[in-house]
């Protein structure tokens, strides 16, 4: 019996190591290519480890294009969008979870149904509205749609529904208002799903390409995904430059995930159990 368990564990480890190695190959190739000089890019056979390490690609992206400016734009837009989403979604989820009002179920069902509408459909009406308010080609125009995030509301509502009403009733008896109850009781008890949503939304807004491409026309306001796409047309044959830009764009996501990994996994497990 023990031998069977050991063999099964060993086969699982081998299986996981195999697919981990396969999934890491593109990442390794990206790092390797970014450190090659132009002559080694098309070498046959492929140089997986560059014979001569070159940093020309990194120097080029910081000197030839507004890479630093686009990096700062992405950080600004991503952080503000994420915080706005968490704030608006947590308030909406609190209302749906703990308040009873007429047509609540119908409204929440319609709210969830909007998940099935892709941004390509809602993009044109949103663009027209933002044009009326003269918010195109502004940071605010990119951030504005983050106020409505149905998935975040749904996830937080599922969690807040399970917060015992006894906590809220006790706070009401002590004279606490709904704002104080929300900030002092509900939000601290929702740290895990909020952290999970922070990671998910940070990745989504950081990698968002469609909406910034539509709203922004000034090159100095463009985000990293848009600048990287322009590099793809400008430096189509300079793969080392493209890979250097792509690698740097990955670093903030890795840093955020490393710091929030514990809460992120707990949040996913909690959502799966429910």
Protein backbone atom coordinates (compact mmCIF):
# COMPACT_ATOMS: atom_id res chain seq x y z
CA UNK A 1 0.00 0.00 0.00
CA UNK A 2 2.80 2.37 0.99
CA UNK A 3 4.68 1.46 -2.16
CA UNK A 4 1.63 2.32 -4.28
CA UNK A 5 1.26 5.67 -2.55
CA UNK A 6 4.94 6.46 -3.08
CA UNK A 7 4.74 5.52 -6.77
CA UNK A 8 1.65 7.66 -7.20
CA UNK A 9 3.31 10.63 -5.45
CA UNK A 10 6.43 10.19 -7.57
CA UNK A 11 4.41 10.09 -10.80
CA UNK A 12 2.55 13.27 -9.75
CA UNK A 13 5.84 15.04 -9.01
CA UNK A 14 7.29 13.98 -12.38
CA UNK A 15 4.10 15.08 -14.14
CA UNK A 16 4.18 18.51 -12.43
CA UNK A 17 7.90 18.98 -13.08
CA UNK A 18 7.41 18.16 -16.77
CA UNK A 19 4.63 20.69 -17.28
CA UNK A 20 6.37 23.30 -15.13
CA UNK A 21 9.44 22.98 -17.34
CA UNK A 22 7.33 23.24 -20.50
CA UNK A 23 5.53 26.35 -19.21
CA UNK A 24 8.81 28.04 -18.24
CA UNK A 25 10.46 27.58 -21.66
CA UNK A 26 8.81 30.69 -23.25
CA UNK A 27 9.82 32.77 -20.21
CA UNK A 28 13.40 31.50 -20.41
CA UNK A 29 13.49 32.16 -24.16
CA UNK A 30 12.27 35.72 -23.55
CA UNK A 31 15.09 36.43 -21.07
CA UNK A 32 17.67 34.77 -23.32
CA UNK A 33 16.56 36.69 -26.42
CA UNK A 34 16.56 40.03 -24.59
CA UNK A 35 20.25 39.50 -23.73
CA UNK A 36 21.40 38.64 -27.27
CA UNK A 37 23.00 40.98 -29.74
CA UNK A 38 21.47 41.45 -33.18
CA UNK A 39 23.76 38.89 -34.84
CA UNK A 40 22.75 36.08 -32.51
CA UNK A 41 18.99 36.51 -32.90
CA UNK A 42 18.63 34.33 -35.98
CA UNK A 43 21.53 32.00 -35.30
CA UNK A 44 20.99 28.33 -36.21
CA UNK A 45 21.05 26.28 -34.04
CA UNK A 46 19.31 28.49 -31.48
CA UNK A 47 21.52 29.88 -28.72
CA UNK A 48 19.44 29.21 -25.62
CA UNK A 49 22.22 30.75 -23.53
CA UNK A 50 23.83 33.74 -25.32
CA UNK A 51 27.54 33.34 -25.97
CA UNK A 52 27.94 37.10 -25.58
CA UNK A 53 25.57 38.86 -23.19
CA UNK A 54 24.39 42.19 -24.60
CA UNK A 55 22.35 44.89 -22.85
CA UNK A 56 21.83 46.93 -26.04
CA UNK A 57 18.12 46.05 -26.16
CA UNK A 58 17.51 47.45 -22.66
CA UNK A 59 19.50 50.60 -23.44
CA UNK A 60 17.51 51.08 -26.65
CA UNK A 61 14.05 50.86 -25.09
CA UNK A 62 15.00 53.44 -22.45
CA UNK A 63 16.61 55.86 -24.92
CA UNK A 64 14.77 55.50 -28.24
CA UNK A 65 11.13 55.36 -27.12
CA UNK A 66 9.11 56.93 -24.21
CA UNK A 67 9.28 53.66 -22.30
CA UNK A 68 9.74 55.18 -18.83
CA UNK A 69 6.84 57.57 -19.41
CA UNK A 70 4.57 54.71 -20.52
CA UNK A 71 5.70 52.69 -17.48
CA UNK A 72 4.74 55.57 -15.18
CA UNK A 73 1.41 55.94 -17.02
CA UNK A 74 0.64 52.25 -16.55
CA UNK A 75 1.48 52.38 -12.83
CA UNK A 76 -0.70 55.45 -12.32
CA UNK A 77 -3.69 54.14 -14.28
CA UNK A 78 -3.47 50.61 -12.87
CA UNK A 79 -3.25 51.67 -9.22
CA UNK A 80 -6.07 54.23 -9.46
CA UNK A 81 -8.31 51.86 -11.47
CA UNK A 82 -7.73 49.02 -9.03
CA UNK A 83 -8.44 51.12 -5.94
CA UNK A 84 -11.57 52.63 -7.51
CA UNK A 85 -12.83 49.16 -8.42
CA UNK A 86 -12.26 47.81 -4.91
CA UNK A 87 -13.96 50.83 -3.32
CA UNK A 88 -17.05 50.88 -5.54
CA UNK A 89 -17.40 47.08 -5.66
CA UNK A 90 -17.13 46.65 -1.88
CA UNK A 91 -19.83 49.31 -1.28
CA UNK A 92 -22.16 47.77 -3.89
CA UNK A 93 -21.54 44.28 -2.52
CA UNK A 94 -22.32 45.47 1.03
CA UNK A 95 -25.65 46.86 -0.13
CA UNK A 96 -26.61 43.70 -2.03
CA UNK A 97 -25.47 41.44 0.81
CA UNK A 98 -26.88 43.17 3.88
CA UNK A 99 -29.78 45.39 2.76
CA UNK A 100 -33.26 44.32 1.73
CA UNK A 101 -35.04 46.46 -0.83
CA UNK A 102 -37.62 46.04 -3.55
CA UNK A 103 -36.55 44.21 -6.74
CA UNK A 104 -33.19 43.37 -5.15
CA UNK A 105 -32.95 39.89 -6.73
CA UNK A 106 -34.03 41.14 -10.16
CA UNK A 107 -31.54 44.00 -10.05
CA UNK A 108 -28.70 41.69 -9.00
CA UNK A 109 -29.61 39.19 -11.73
CA UNK A 110 -29.59 41.94 -14.37
CA UNK A 111 -26.34 43.20 -12.89
CA UNK A 112 -24.77 39.74 -13.28
CA UNK A 113 -26.18 39.38 -16.79
CA UNK A 114 -24.05 42.31 -17.89
CA UNK A 115 -21.02 40.02 -17.39
CA UNK A 116 -21.94 38.37 -20.68
CA UNK A 117 -21.56 41.63 -22.63
CA UNK A 118 -17.99 41.98 -23.96
CA UNK A 119 -16.20 45.32 -23.77
CA UNK A 120 -16.08 45.43 -27.57
CA UNK A 121 -19.88 45.93 -27.48
CA UNK A 122 -19.97 48.51 -24.69
CA UNK A 123 -16.84 50.28 -25.94
CA UNK A 124 -18.61 52.50 -28.48
CA UNK A 125 -21.34 53.82 -26.08
CA UNK A 126 -18.70 54.45 -23.40
CA UNK A 127 -16.51 56.28 -25.91
CA UNK A 128 -19.45 58.50 -26.97
CA UNK A 129 -20.28 59.31 -23.33
CA UNK A 130 -16.67 60.17 -22.50
CA UNK A 131 -16.45 62.29 -25.64
CA UNK A 132 -19.50 64.29 -24.46
CA UNK A 133 -17.70 64.93 -21.16
CA UNK A 134 -14.44 65.74 -23.01
CA UNK A 135 -12.59 62.94 -21.23
CA UNK A 136 -10.99 61.31 -24.26
CA UNK A 137 -7.20 61.37 -24.33
CA UNK A 138 -7.13 61.80 -20.55
CA UNK A 139 -6.11 59.51 -17.70
CA UNK A 140 -9.58 59.94 -16.20
CA UNK A 141 -11.13 58.62 -19.40
CA UNK A 142 -9.08 55.40 -19.08
CA UNK A 143 -9.85 55.01 -15.38
CA UNK A 144 -13.59 55.86 -15.47
CA UNK A 145 -14.94 52.40 -16.56
CA UNK A 146 -13.24 50.79 -13.54
CA UNK A 147 -16.08 52.14 -11.35
CA UNK A 148 -18.28 49.28 -12.60
CA UNK A 149 -16.81 45.81 -12.11
CA UNK A 150 -19.51 43.17 -11.95
CA UNK A 151 -17.20 40.26 -11.16
CA UNK A 152 -15.72 42.11 -8.17
CA UNK A 153 -19.20 42.90 -6.83
CA UNK A 154 -20.27 39.28 -7.24
CA UNK A 155 -17.20 37.88 -5.45
CA UNK A 156 -17.43 40.33 -2.55
CA UNK A 157 -21.19 39.88 -2.22
CA UNK A 158 -20.73 36.13 -1.85
CA UNK A 159 -18.27 36.74 0.98
CA UNK A 160 -20.19 39.51 2.76
CA UNK A 161 -23.41 37.49 2.78
CA UNK A 162 -21.66 35.02 5.09
CA UNK A 163 -20.59 37.69 7.60
CA UNK A 164 -22.85 37.05 10.65
CA UNK A 165 -25.54 39.68 11.04
CA UNK A 166 -24.91 39.56 14.81
CA UNK A 167 -21.78 41.71 14.33
CA UNK A 168 -23.77 44.37 12.46
CA UNK A 169 -26.71 44.26 14.88
CA UNK A 170 -24.36 44.66 17.85
CA UNK A 171 -22.70 47.64 16.17
CA UNK A 172 -26.11 49.23 15.49
CA UNK A 173 -27.04 48.81 19.17
CA UNK A 174 -23.78 50.57 20.08
CA UNK A 175 -24.83 53.51 17.94
CA UNK A 176 -22.60 52.91 14.92
CA UNK A 177 -23.80 54.22 11.57
CA UNK A 178 -23.69 52.25 8.34
CA UNK A 179 -20.52 53.99 7.17
CA UNK A 180 -18.72 53.09 10.40
CA UNK A 181 -20.05 49.51 10.25
CA UNK A 182 -18.81 49.21 6.68
CA UNK A 183 -15.34 50.61 7.42
CA UNK A 184 -14.78 49.09 10.88
CA UNK A 185 -16.45 45.67 10.53
CA UNK A 186 -17.21 44.63 6.95
CA UNK A 187 -14.00 45.80 5.25
CA UNK A 188 -11.59 44.30 7.87
CA UNK A 189 -13.48 40.99 7.64
CA UNK A 190 -13.15 41.03 3.83
CA UNK A 191 -9.38 41.47 3.57
CA UNK A 192 -8.79 38.12 1.86
CA UNK A 193 -11.27 38.58 -1.05
CA UNK A 194 -10.22 42.24 -1.35
CA UNK A 195 -6.57 41.22 -1.69
CA UNK A 196 -7.51 38.55 -4.23
CA UNK A 197 -9.43 41.12 -6.24
CA UNK A 198 -6.52 43.56 -5.96
CA UNK A 199 -4.20 41.03 -7.63
CA UNK A 200 -6.73 40.03 -10.31
CA UNK A 201 -7.67 43.61 -11.19
CA UNK A 202 -4.07 44.82 -11.07
CA UNK A 203 -3.18 42.20 -13.70
CA UNK A 204 -6.25 43.02 -15.81
CA UNK A 205 -5.71 46.78 -15.81
CA UNK A 206 -1.96 46.43 -16.26
CA UNK A 207 -2.40 44.25 -19.36
CA UNK A 208 -5.42 46.13 -20.73
CA UNK A 209 -4.78 47.07 -24.34
CA UNK A 210 -8.16 47.66 -25.96
CA UNK A 211 -9.53 50.57 -23.90
CA UNK A 212 -6.32 52.67 -23.60
CA UNK A 213 -5.79 52.21 -27.35
CA UNK A 214 -9.24 53.71 -28.03
CA UNK A 215 -9.14 56.55 -25.52
CA UNK A 216 -5.52 57.74 -25.72
CA UNK A 217 -4.01 59.47 -28.74
CA UNK A 218 -1.13 61.36 -27.09
CA UNK A 219 2.05 59.17 -27.16
CA UNK A 220 3.14 60.64 -23.82
CA UNK A 221 -0.03 59.32 -22.14
CA UNK A 222 -0.01 55.82 -23.60
CA UNK A 223 0.34 52.72 -21.43
CA UNK A 224 2.89 49.92 -21.70
CA UNK A 225 0.75 47.44 -23.71
CA UNK A 226 0.05 50.14 -26.32
CA UNK A 227 3.72 51.18 -26.52
CA UNK A 228 4.77 47.52 -26.79
CA UNK A 229 2.35 46.99 -29.67
CA UNK A 230 3.86 50.00 -31.44
CA UNK A 231 7.33 48.56 -30.82
CA UNK A 232 6.13 45.40 -32.53
CA UNK A 233 5.55 47.35 -35.74
CA UNK A 234 8.58 49.62 -35.35
CA UNK A 235 11.10 46.96 -34.26
CA UNK A 236 9.50 43.93 -35.91
CA UNK A 237 12.84 42.24 -36.62
CA UNK A 238 14.57 43.29 -33.40
CA UNK A 239 13.23 40.54 -31.17
CA UNK A 240 15.73 41.34 -28.41
CA UNK A 241 14.22 44.84 -28.04
CA UNK A 242 10.67 43.46 -28.02
CA UNK A 243 11.56 40.79 -25.46
CA UNK A 244 13.34 43.33 -23.23
CA UNK A 245 10.20 45.49 -23.19
CA UNK A 246 7.93 42.51 -22.53
CA UNK A 247 10.17 41.29 -19.71
CA UNK A 248 10.19 44.65 -17.93
CA UNK A 249 6.41 44.90 -18.26
CA UNK A 250 6.08 41.58 -16.42
CA UNK A 251 8.06 42.63 -13.36
CA UNK A 252 5.36 44.71 -11.56
CA UNK A 253 2.88 41.82 -11.81
CA UNK A 254 5.42 39.39 -10.36
CA UNK A 255 6.17 41.79 -7.50
CA UNK A 256 2.49 42.30 -6.67
CA UNK A 257 1.79 38.57 -6.81
CA UNK A 258 4.82 37.77 -4.62
CA UNK A 259 3.60 40.13 -1.88
CA UNK A 260 -0.06 39.07 -2.09
CA UNK A 261 0.44 35.37 -2.84
CA UNK A 262 -0.69 34.17 0.60
CA UNK A 263 -3.96 36.11 0.54
CA UNK A 264 -4.52 35.39 -3.18
CA UNK A 265 -4.39 31.61 -2.73
CA UNK A 266 -6.61 31.80 0.37
CA UNK A 267 -9.13 33.90 -1.54
CA UNK A 268 -9.23 31.47 -4.47
CA UNK A 269 -9.68 28.53 -2.08
CA UNK A 270 -12.45 30.37 -0.22
CA UNK A 271 -14.25 31.14 -3.48
CA UNK A 272 -13.88 27.54 -4.64
CA UNK A 273 -15.35 26.14 -1.43
CA UNK A 274 -18.37 28.40 -1.75
